[in-house]
C-alpha atoms as a PDB file:
ATOM      1  CA  MET A   1      16.646  12.974 -12.170  1.00  0.00           C
ATOM      2  CA  CYS A   2      19.955  14.705 -11.585  1.00  0.00           C
ATOM      3  CA  SER A   3      19.762  18.519 -11.621  1.00  0.00           C
ATOM      4  CA  ARG A   4      23.060  18.876 -13.493  1.00  0.00           C
ATOM      5  CA  SER A   5      22.570  19.883 -17.114  1.00  0.00           C
ATOM      6  CA  ALA A   6      22.874  17.091 -19.676  1.00  0.00           C
ATOM      7  CA  CYS A   7      22.777  14.417 -16.962  1.00  0.00           C
ATOM      8  CA  GLY A   8      19.918  11.946 -17.208  1.00  0.00           C
ATOM      9  CA  ARG A   9      20.869   9.698 -14.303  1.00  0.00           C
ATOM     10  CA  VAL A  10      18.655   9.017 -11.305  1.00  0.00           C
ATOM     11  CA  ALA A  11      19.156  11.366  -8.349  1.00  0.00           C
ATOM     12  CA  VAL A  12      20.290   9.813  -5.064  1.00  0.00           C
ATOM     13  CA  ALA A  13      21.183  12.860  -2.931  1.00  0.00           C
ATOM     14  CA  THR A  14      20.061  16.458  -2.388  1.00  0.00           C
ATOM     15  CA  LEU A  15      22.449  19.394  -2.228  1.00  0.00           C
ATOM     16  CA  THR A  16      21.317  22.449  -0.262  1.00  0.00           C
ATOM     17  CA  TYR A  17      23.228  25.723  -0.031  1.00  0.00           C
ATOM     18  CA  VAL A  18      23.149  27.852   3.121  1.00  0.00           C
ATOM     19  CA  TYR A  19      24.488  31.147   1.825  1.00  0.00           C
ATOM     20  CA  ALA A  20      24.503  32.927   5.203  1.00  0.00           C
ATOM     21  CA  GLU A  21      26.843  30.281   6.642  1.00  0.00           C
ATOM     22  CA  GLN A  22      28.823  29.711   3.427  1.00  0.00           C
ATOM     23  CA  SER A  23      28.110  26.005   3.570  1.00  0.00           C
ATOM     24  CA  ALA A  24      26.679  23.304   1.379  1.00  0.00           C
ATOM     25  CA  ALA A  25      24.917  20.247   2.800  1.00  0.00           C
ATOM     26  CA  LEU A  26      24.752  17.020   0.822  1.00  0.00           C
ATOM     27  CA  GLY A  27      22.359  14.464   2.248  1.00  0.00           C
ATOM     28  CA  PRO A  28      19.637  11.922   1.485  1.00  0.00           C
ATOM     29  CA  LEU A  29      17.279  12.633  -1.386  1.00  0.00           C
ATOM     30  CA  ALA A  30      14.642  15.164  -0.312  1.00  0.00           C
ATOM     31  CA  THR A  31      10.987  14.143  -0.449  1.00  0.00           C
ATOM     32  CA  TYR A  32       9.821  17.550  -1.705  1.00  0.00           C
ATOM     33  CA  ALA A  33      11.294  20.384  -3.801  1.00  0.00           C
ATOM     34  CA  GLU A  34      12.834  23.395  -2.084  1.00  0.00           C
ATOM     35  CA  PRO A  35      14.411  26.544  -3.473  1.00  0.00           C
ATOM     36  CA  HIS A  36      18.219  26.390  -3.502  1.00  0.00           C
ATOM     37  CA  ALA A  37      18.156  22.584  -3.339  1.00  0.00           C
ATOM     38  CA  TYR A  38      19.475  20.410  -6.137  1.00  0.00           C
ATOM     39  CA  ASP A  39      19.092  16.659  -6.609  1.00  0.00           C
ATOM     40  CA  LEU A  40      22.286  14.934  -7.742  1.00  0.00           C
ATOM     41  CA  CYS A  41      23.142  11.500  -9.110  1.00  0.00           C
ATOM     42  CA  ASP A  42      25.751   9.346  -7.366  1.00  0.00           C
ATOM     43  CA  SER A  43      28.545  10.494  -9.686  1.00  0.00           C
ATOM     44  CA  HIS A  44      27.892  14.225  -9.277  1.00  0.00           C
ATOM     45  CA  ALA A  45      27.357  13.863  -5.518  1.00  0.00           C
ATOM     46  CA  GLU A  46      30.777  12.187  -5.168  1.00  0.00           C
ATOM     47  CA  SER A  47      32.599  14.816  -7.236  1.00  0.00           C
ATOM     48  CA  LEU A  48      30.903  17.800  -5.577  1.00  0.00           C
ATOM     49  CA  SER A  49      33.061  20.828  -4.817  1.00  0.00           C
ATOM     50  CA  ALA A  50      32.038  24.106  -3.191  1.00  0.00           C
ATOM     51  CA  PRO A  51      33.325  27.647  -3.649  1.00  0.00           C
ATOM     52  CA  ARG A  52      36.627  28.501  -1.944  1.00  0.00           C
ATOM     53  CA  GLY A  53      36.101  29.183   1.758  1.00  0.00           C
ATOM     54  CA  TRP A  54      32.832  27.258   1.907  1.00  0.00           C
ATOM     55  CA  GLN A  55      32.289  24.217   4.092  1.00  0.00           C
ATOM     56  CA  VAL A  56      30.770  21.034   2.626  1.00  0.00           C
ATOM     57  CA  ILE A  57      28.774  18.917   5.055  1.00  0.00           C
ATOM     58  CA  ARG A  58      28.182  15.369   3.827  1.00  0.00           C
ATOM     59  CA  LEU A  59      25.461  13.505   5.691  1.00  0.00           C
ATOM     60  CA  ALA A  60      25.994   9.761   5.472  1.00  0.00           C
ATOM     61  CA  GLN A  61      23.151   7.907   3.839  1.00  0.00           C
ATOM     62  CA  ASP A  62      21.831   4.697   5.304  1.00  0.00           C
ATOM     63  CA  PRO A  63      21.845   2.205   2.387  1.00  0.00           C
ATOM     64  CA  SER A  64      18.787   0.400   3.754  1.00  0.00           C
ATOM     65  CA  ALA A  65      16.832   3.679   3.669  1.00  0.00           C
ATOM     66  CA  LEU A  66      17.148   3.784  -0.120  1.00  0.00           C
ATOM     67  CA  ARG A  67      14.942   0.702  -0.587  1.00  0.00           C
ATOM     68  CA  PRO A  68      11.169   0.764  -0.133  1.00  0.00           C
ATOM     69  CA  THR A  69      10.056  -0.515   3.257  1.00  0.00           C
ATOM     70  CA  ALA A  70       7.044  -2.672   4.062  1.00  0.00           C
ATOM     71  CA  ASP A  71       5.332   0.477   5.390  1.00  0.00           C
ATOM     72  CA  ASP A  72       5.914   2.257   2.058  1.00  0.00           C
ATOM     73  CA  LEU A  73       4.409  -0.631   0.122  1.00  0.00           C
ATOM     74  CA  LEU A  74       1.403  -0.904   2.443  1.00  0.00           C
ATOM     75  CA  ALA A  75       0.781   2.849   2.179  1.00  0.00           C
ATOM     76  CA  LEU A  76       0.912   2.612  -1.609  1.00  0.00           C
ATOM     77  CA  ALA A  77      -1.504  -0.326  -1.638  1.00  0.00           C
ATOM     78  CA  ASP A  78      -3.903   1.547   0.668  1.00  0.00           C
ATOM     79  CA  ALA A  79      -3.774   4.623  -1.589  1.00  0.00           C
ATOM     80  CA  VAL A  80      -4.574   2.525  -4.670  1.00  0.00           C
ATOM     81  CA  ARG A  81      -7.500   0.819  -2.882  1.00  0.00           C
ATOM     82  CA  GLU A  82      -8.839   4.196  -1.719  1.00  0.00           C
ATOM     83  CA  ALA A  83      -8.603   5.682  -5.218  1.00  0.00           C
ATOM     84  CA  ALA A  84     -10.499   2.704  -6.688  1.00  0.00           C
ATOM     85  CA  ARG A  85     -13.292   2.745  -4.091  1.00  0.00           C
ATOM     86  CA  PRO A  86     -16.618   4.193  -5.325  1.00  0.00           C
ATOM     87  CA  ARG A  87     -17.492   7.414  -3.554  1.00  0.00           C
ATOM     88  CA  LEU A  88     -20.797   9.109  -2.855  1.00  0.00           C
ATOM     89  CA  VAL A  89     -20.705  12.347  -4.832  1.00  0.00           C
ATOM     90  CA  HIS A  90     -22.377  15.426  -3.359  1.00  0.00           C
ATOM     91  CA  GLU A  91     -24.171  13.400  -0.712  1.00  0.00           C
ATOM     92  CA  SER A  92     -26.513  16.225   0.307  1.00  0.00           C
ATOM     93  CA  SER A  93     -27.663  16.913  -3.273  1.00  0.00           C
ATOM     94  CA  GLY A  94     -28.431  13.242  -3.998  1.00  0.00           C
ATOM     95  CA  GLN A  95     -26.622  13.286  -7.348  1.00  0.00           C
ATOM     96  CA  GLY A  96     -25.446   9.693  -7.130  1.00  0.00           C
ATOM     97  CA  VAL A  97     -22.663   7.241  -6.417  1.00  0.00           C
ATOM     98  CA  GLU A  98     -19.484   7.338  -8.466  1.00  0.00           C
ATOM     99  CA  ILE A  99     -19.048   3.987 -10.232  1.00  0.00           C
ATOM    100  CA  GLY A 100     -16.300   4.875 -12.696  1.00  0.00           C
ATOM    101  CA  ARG A 101     -13.812   7.510 -13.709  1.00  0.00           C
ATOM    102  CA  ARG A 102     -11.849   8.384 -16.826  1.00  0.00           C
ATOM    103  CA  GLY A 103      -9.546  11.349 -16.360  1.00  0.00           C
ATOM    104  CA  HIS A 104     -11.638  14.215 -15.010  1.00  0.00           C
ATOM    105  CA  LEU A 105     -14.958  12.630 -16.088  1.00  0.00           C
ATOM    106  CA  ARG A 106     -17.050  10.579 -13.633  1.00  0.00           C
ATOM    107  CA  VAL A 107     -19.755   7.954 -14.174  1.00  0.00           C
ATOM    108  CA  LEU A 108     -22.527   8.264 -11.585  1.00  0.00           C
ATOM    109  CA  ARG A 109     -25.236   5.777 -10.656  1.00  0.00           C
ATOM    110  CA  SER A 110     -28.404   7.549  -9.614  1.00  0.00           C
ATOM    111  CA  THR A 111     -29.466   7.215  -5.976  1.00  0.00           C
ATOM    112  CA  ASP A 112     -33.063   8.012  -6.939  1.00  0.00           C
ATOM    113  CA  GLY A 113     -35.201   4.871  -6.899  1.00  0.00           C
END
């Protein structure tokens, strides 16, 4: 979501200030949060202005990079499969095999004969 107050639009770019160089960089949406970085919607990114004397650096975004790639979808599918796979819990203690989960609770099948 856009970092501007009262704006509920989807963020498409990240604004980062570099105070030491009196510059602001506007580029592709960041994948993780950083201090002094603000996510902006398309409208606010286009109308961005910086303080007098500051330089604004606009990094062009590749439109094809905004869509999920086949690699992204495969990684997501692998993560879902991994999360659904039963896991041996505390293998050395012989507590059991996880066969289900609901929130933080686990259902274990005993490994004792």
